[in-house]
């Protein structure tokens, strides 16, 4: 019996695995996108209603333009790479929110928010692209869904998850709030350092595909780590240390520069 159960669990794990684009990393994907997206939409609208939206300002339009440009090339890349199903799950929206917080986030499905506090560190569209690429990468790599899946496994075990989700609709909602956030805290719960480094790697490629020079990324993260001479911003509270992050960025830079140069050839 133990052997049969083990085989069932292994089969469920394999069935519930997905592959992260570009990196090829295998991840748990126990929660269907259609279960998550209504919660995402509800919470994103809640954040917008409770915040002052500055998307029609000059900075807000820069956020929208950079976001749309990156989203377009990301979707094209994913379709060419056989991830059409993932593309269908995106409904992109980009907003700038008035807040002193040095932060930005992208929820599952492509709901993005930048806070005005991060804009001085971005400085220009290239800096915005560094952050945008990184945050979009979290959505493309389904990091929130992976975190939800791990939480479900820890709470219920592998063998009963599918039944638990199907029979208890509020379960997905509870795990969503625990894994993604709620209200003003949405999208702000910490990703693992593995997720952050993976988002850095993907983000470099995404900004390069969109025609933004990835070589500005180390400079941006240096500015971010300095935090204007004060304590590092909350955006970095669980991120890799600046030295480790920049080391990894430089390791991935040659590949990103190739994508950037190719994008310049196409655009010219």
Protein backbone atom coordinates (compact mmCIF):
# COMPACT_ATOMS: atom_id res chain seq x y z
CA UNK A 1 0.00 0.00 0.00
CA UNK A 2 2.82 2.42 0.86
CA UNK A 3 4.35 1.77 -2.55
CA UNK A 4 1.04 2.48 -4.28
CA UNK A 5 0.57 5.71 -2.32
CA UNK A 6 4.12 6.76 -3.11
CA UNK A 7 3.52 6.20 -6.81
CA UNK A 8 0.28 8.19 -6.63
CA UNK A 9 2.02 11.07 -4.90
CA UNK A 10 4.87 11.02 -7.43
CA UNK A 11 2.34 11.01 -10.25
CA UNK A 12 0.48 13.95 -8.73
CA UNK A 13 3.72 15.87 -8.32
CA UNK A 14 4.63 15.29 -11.97
CA UNK A 15 1.13 16.26 -13.10
CA UNK A 16 1.24 19.41 -11.00
CA UNK A 17 4.66 20.55 -12.22
CA UNK A 18 5.29 23.39 -14.63
CA UNK A 19 8.46 24.68 -16.27
CA UNK A 20 9.65 28.25 -15.84
CA UNK A 21 10.32 29.87 -19.25
CA UNK A 22 13.99 30.56 -20.08
CA UNK A 23 15.44 29.07 -16.89
CA UNK A 24 13.81 25.64 -17.36
CA UNK A 25 13.33 25.22 -13.61
CA UNK A 26 10.59 22.80 -12.55
CA UNK A 27 8.05 24.17 -10.09
CA UNK A 28 4.85 23.14 -8.32
CA UNK A 29 1.67 24.38 -10.00
CA UNK A 30 -1.15 22.93 -7.90
CA UNK A 31 -3.56 25.87 -8.21
CA UNK A 32 -5.19 26.57 -11.61
CA UNK A 33 -4.92 30.12 -12.94
CA UNK A 34 -8.71 30.31 -13.24
CA UNK A 35 -8.91 29.85 -9.46
CA UNK A 36 -6.46 32.67 -8.80
CA UNK A 37 -7.42 35.35 -11.31
CA UNK A 38 -10.81 36.41 -9.88
CA UNK A 39 -9.09 37.01 -6.53
CA UNK A 40 -6.33 38.97 -8.24
CA UNK A 41 -8.80 41.19 -10.08
CA UNK A 42 -10.82 41.82 -6.92
CA UNK A 43 -7.78 42.77 -4.87
CA UNK A 44 -6.20 44.92 -7.59
CA UNK A 45 -9.42 46.92 -7.91
CA UNK A 46 -9.50 47.28 -4.12
CA UNK A 47 -5.98 48.70 -4.11
CA UNK A 48 -6.90 51.16 -6.86
CA UNK A 49 -9.99 52.36 -4.99
CA UNK A 50 -8.01 52.88 -1.79
CA UNK A 51 -5.09 54.67 -3.48
CA UNK A 52 -4.44 57.86 -5.38
CA UNK A 53 -3.71 56.79 -8.95
CA UNK A 54 -1.25 58.98 -10.87
CA UNK A 55 -1.19 57.05 -14.11
CA UNK A 56 -2.16 60.11 -16.17
CA UNK A 57 0.91 62.05 -15.00
CA UNK A 58 4.18 62.15 -16.96
CA UNK A 59 5.77 59.53 -14.70
CA UNK A 60 2.61 57.45 -14.84
CA UNK A 61 2.65 57.43 -18.61
CA UNK A 62 6.29 56.35 -18.59
CA UNK A 63 5.34 53.38 -16.40
CA UNK A 64 2.52 52.45 -18.78
CA UNK A 65 4.66 52.81 -21.90
CA UNK A 66 7.54 50.76 -20.52
CA UNK A 67 5.12 48.15 -19.20
CA UNK A 68 3.25 47.78 -22.47
CA UNK A 69 6.49 47.55 -24.43
CA UNK A 70 7.88 44.82 -22.20
CA UNK A 71 4.55 42.96 -22.09
CA UNK A 72 4.38 42.92 -25.89
CA UNK A 73 7.82 41.37 -26.39
CA UNK A 74 7.33 38.96 -23.50
CA UNK A 75 4.11 37.65 -25.03
CA UNK A 76 5.77 37.27 -28.44
CA UNK A 77 8.68 35.40 -26.89
CA UNK A 78 6.40 33.11 -24.88
CA UNK A 79 4.26 32.26 -27.91
CA UNK A 80 7.35 31.45 -29.98
CA UNK A 81 8.63 29.28 -27.11
CA UNK A 82 5.44 27.24 -26.79
CA UNK A 83 3.86 29.00 -23.79
CA UNK A 84 0.65 30.19 -25.47
CA UNK A 85 -1.45 28.99 -22.53
CA UNK A 86 0.54 31.23 -20.20
CA UNK A 87 0.03 34.22 -22.48
CA UNK A 88 -3.73 33.68 -22.40
CA UNK A 89 -3.67 34.12 -18.62
CA UNK A 90 -2.35 37.70 -18.86
CA UNK A 91 -4.56 40.78 -18.74
CA UNK A 92 -1.95 43.51 -18.38
CA UNK A 93 -2.61 46.70 -16.45
CA UNK A 94 -0.06 49.27 -15.28
CA UNK A 95 -0.62 51.97 -12.67
CA UNK A 96 1.43 54.48 -10.71
CA UNK A 97 0.26 54.88 -7.11
CA UNK A 98 1.07 57.82 -4.85
CA UNK A 99 3.08 56.45 -1.94
CA UNK A 100 6.42 57.13 -0.29
CA UNK A 101 7.12 53.41 -0.30
CA UNK A 102 10.05 52.40 -2.47
CA UNK A 103 8.25 49.50 -4.07
CA UNK A 104 6.62 47.96 -7.13
CA UNK A 105 4.85 44.66 -7.77
CA UNK A 106 3.17 42.54 -10.40
CA UNK A 107 0.36 40.21 -9.44
CA UNK A 108 -0.51 36.97 -11.25
CA UNK A 109 -2.04 37.76 -14.62
CA UNK A 110 -0.03 40.94 -15.12
CA UNK A 111 -1.58 43.50 -12.74
CA UNK A 112 1.28 45.93 -12.06
CA UNK A 113 1.68 48.78 -9.58
CA UNK A 114 4.59 51.18 -9.17
CA UNK A 115 4.78 53.48 -6.15
CA UNK A 116 5.98 57.04 -6.60
CA UNK A 117 8.66 56.40 -3.97
CA UNK A 118 10.61 54.22 -6.39
CA UNK A 119 10.59 56.68 -9.28
CA UNK A 120 13.56 58.85 -8.17
CA UNK A 121 15.70 55.69 -7.96
CA UNK A 122 14.56 54.61 -11.41
CA UNK A 123 15.61 58.04 -12.77
CA UNK A 124 14.50 57.33 -16.35
CA UNK A 125 12.79 54.79 -18.60
CA UNK A 126 15.77 52.43 -18.45
CA UNK A 127 15.50 52.32 -14.67
CA UNK A 128 11.76 51.77 -14.91
CA UNK A 129 12.49 48.91 -17.32
CA UNK A 130 14.82 47.25 -14.78
CA UNK A 131 12.03 47.19 -12.20
CA UNK A 132 9.31 46.38 -14.73
CA UNK A 133 11.26 43.48 -16.18
CA UNK A 134 11.91 42.11 -12.70
CA UNK A 135 8.28 42.37 -11.59
CA UNK A 136 6.85 41.01 -14.85
CA UNK A 137 9.28 38.10 -14.45
CA UNK A 138 7.62 37.17 -11.15
CA UNK A 139 4.31 36.83 -13.02
CA UNK A 140 5.80 34.99 -16.01
CA UNK A 141 7.56 32.55 -13.68
CA UNK A 142 4.30 32.08 -11.71
CA UNK A 143 6.11 32.64 -8.42
CA UNK A 144 2.90 33.48 -6.53
CA UNK A 145 1.18 30.32 -7.76
CA UNK A 146 4.25 28.31 -6.79
CA UNK A 147 4.20 29.82 -3.31
CA UNK A 148 0.49 29.05 -3.01
CA UNK A 149 1.14 25.46 -4.14
CA UNK A 150 3.86 24.98 -1.54
CA UNK A 151 1.57 26.38 1.15
CA UNK A 152 -1.14 23.91 0.15
CA UNK A 153 1.28 21.00 0.26
CA UNK A 154 2.48 22.02 3.71
CA UNK A 155 -1.07 22.37 4.99
CA UNK A 156 -2.78 19.37 3.43
CA UNK A 157 -0.21 17.06 1.86
CA UNK A 158 -0.07 16.08 -1.78
CA UNK A 159 -2.77 13.45 -1.91
CA UNK A 160 -5.78 15.56 -0.89
CA UNK A 161 -5.03 18.93 -2.47
CA UNK A 162 -7.10 18.53 -5.65
CA UNK A 163 -10.12 17.38 -3.65
CA UNK A 164 -9.62 20.08 -1.05
CA UNK A 165 -9.56 22.85 -3.65
CA UNK A 166 -12.57 21.49 -5.50
CA UNK A 167 -14.75 21.08 -2.40
CA UNK A 168 -13.71 24.23 -0.55
CA UNK A 169 -13.62 27.37 -2.75
CA UNK A 170 -12.62 29.53 0.22
CA UNK A 171 -9.44 27.49 0.60
CA UNK A 172 -7.88 29.02 -2.49
CA UNK A 173 -8.87 32.47 -1.23
CA UNK A 174 -7.24 31.87 2.16
CA UNK A 175 -4.04 30.58 0.63
CA UNK A 176 -4.06 33.49 -1.83
CA UNK A 177 -4.21 36.03 1.00
CA UNK A 178 -1.45 34.21 2.88
CA UNK A 179 0.78 33.90 -0.18
CA UNK A 180 0.12 37.08 -2.16
CA UNK A 181 -1.32 39.59 0.29
CA UNK A 182 -4.48 41.56 0.82
CA UNK A 183 -5.47 45.19 0.48
CA UNK A 184 -2.56 47.60 0.74
CA UNK A 185 -0.23 44.67 1.40
CA UNK A 186 -1.02 43.00 -1.91
CA UNK A 187 1.96 41.84 -3.87
CA UNK A 188 4.25 42.90 -1.04
CA UNK A 189 4.79 39.61 0.75
CA UNK A 190 8.34 38.43 0.35
CA UNK A 191 9.39 36.11 -2.42
CA UNK A 192 12.23 33.70 -1.69
CA UNK A 193 15.76 34.65 -2.65
CA UNK A 194 15.60 31.93 -5.30
CA UNK A 195 12.58 33.67 -6.82
CA UNK A 196 14.26 37.07 -6.64
CA UNK A 197 17.40 35.87 -8.42
CA UNK A 198 15.29 34.11 -11.03
CA UNK A 199 13.27 37.30 -11.56
CA UNK A 200 16.54 39.21 -11.98
CA UNK A 201 17.69 36.77 -14.66
CA UNK A 202 14.41 36.83 -16.56
CA UNK A 203 13.99 40.56 -16.06
CA UNK A 204 17.31 41.29 -17.76
CA UNK A 205 16.20 39.32 -20.81
CA UNK A 206 12.76 40.92 -20.89
CA UNK A 207 14.05 44.50 -20.78
CA UNK A 208 16.67 43.62 -23.40
CA UNK A 209 14.04 42.12 -25.72
CA UNK A 210 12.10 45.37 -25.39
CA UNK A 211 15.13 47.41 -26.45
CA UNK A 212 16.23 48.69 -23.04
CA UNK A 213 19.94 48.37 -22.29
CA UNK A 214 20.32 45.69 -19.57
CA UNK A 215 23.74 47.04 -18.62
CA UNK A 216 22.02 49.73 -16.55
CA UNK A 217 20.62 47.09 -14.16
CA UNK A 218 23.67 46.83 -11.83
CA UNK A 219 23.71 50.63 -11.51
CA UNK A 220 20.02 50.65 -10.60
CA UNK A 221 20.46 48.01 -7.89
CA UNK A 222 23.45 49.93 -6.52
CA UNK A 223 21.26 53.02 -6.18
CA UNK A 224 18.53 50.93 -4.61
CA UNK A 225 20.88 49.38 -2.06
CA UNK A 226 22.19 52.80 -1.03
CA UNK A 227 18.67 53.99 -0.28
CA UNK A 228 19.64 57.63 -0.32
CA UNK A 229 22.06 57.04 2.53
CA UNK A 230 19.33 55.66 4.80
CA UNK A 231 18.38 52.07 5.60
CA UNK A 232 17.78 49.94 2.48
CA UNK A 233 14.19 50.26 1.18
CA UNK A 234 11.57 47.65 2.11
CA UNK A 235 11.75 46.54 -1.51
CA UNK A 236 15.09 44.92 -0.63
CA UNK A 237 14.17 43.49 2.76
CA UNK A 238 14.24 39.87 1.58
CA UNK A 239 16.16 40.31 -1.66
CA UNK A 240 19.66 38.93 -2.15
CA UNK A 241 22.47 41.14 -0.88
CA UNK A 242 23.65 43.76 -3.39
CA UNK A 243 27.02 42.10 -3.97
CA UNK A 244 25.45 38.71 -4.69
CA UNK A 245 22.75 40.25 -6.85
CA UNK A 246 25.19 42.26 -8.97
CA UNK A 247 27.48 39.25 -9.29
CA UNK A 248 24.59 37.21 -10.71
CA UNK A 249 23.50 40.07 -12.96
CA UNK A 250 26.98 40.27 -14.43
CA UNK A 251 27.02 36.49 -14.95
CA UNK A 252 23.79 36.73 -16.94
CA UNK A 253 24.70 39.96 -18.71
CA UNK A 254 26.38 38.53 -21.87
CA UNK A 255 23.20 36.64 -22.82
CA UNK A 256 21.04 39.70 -22.08
CA UNK A 257 23.29 41.95 -24.15
CA UNK A 258 22.92 39.56 -27.10
CA UNK A 259 19.14 39.94 -26.88
CA UNK A 260 19.52 43.71 -26.59
CA UNK A 261 21.78 43.98 -29.62
CA UNK A 262 19.41 41.78 -31.62
CA UNK A 263 16.52 44.06 -30.67
CA UNK A 264 18.48 47.08 -31.88
CA UNK A 265 19.13 45.38 -35.22
CA UNK A 266 15.42 44.64 -35.66
CA UNK A 267 14.38 48.16 -34.66
CA UNK A 268 16.91 49.73 -37.01
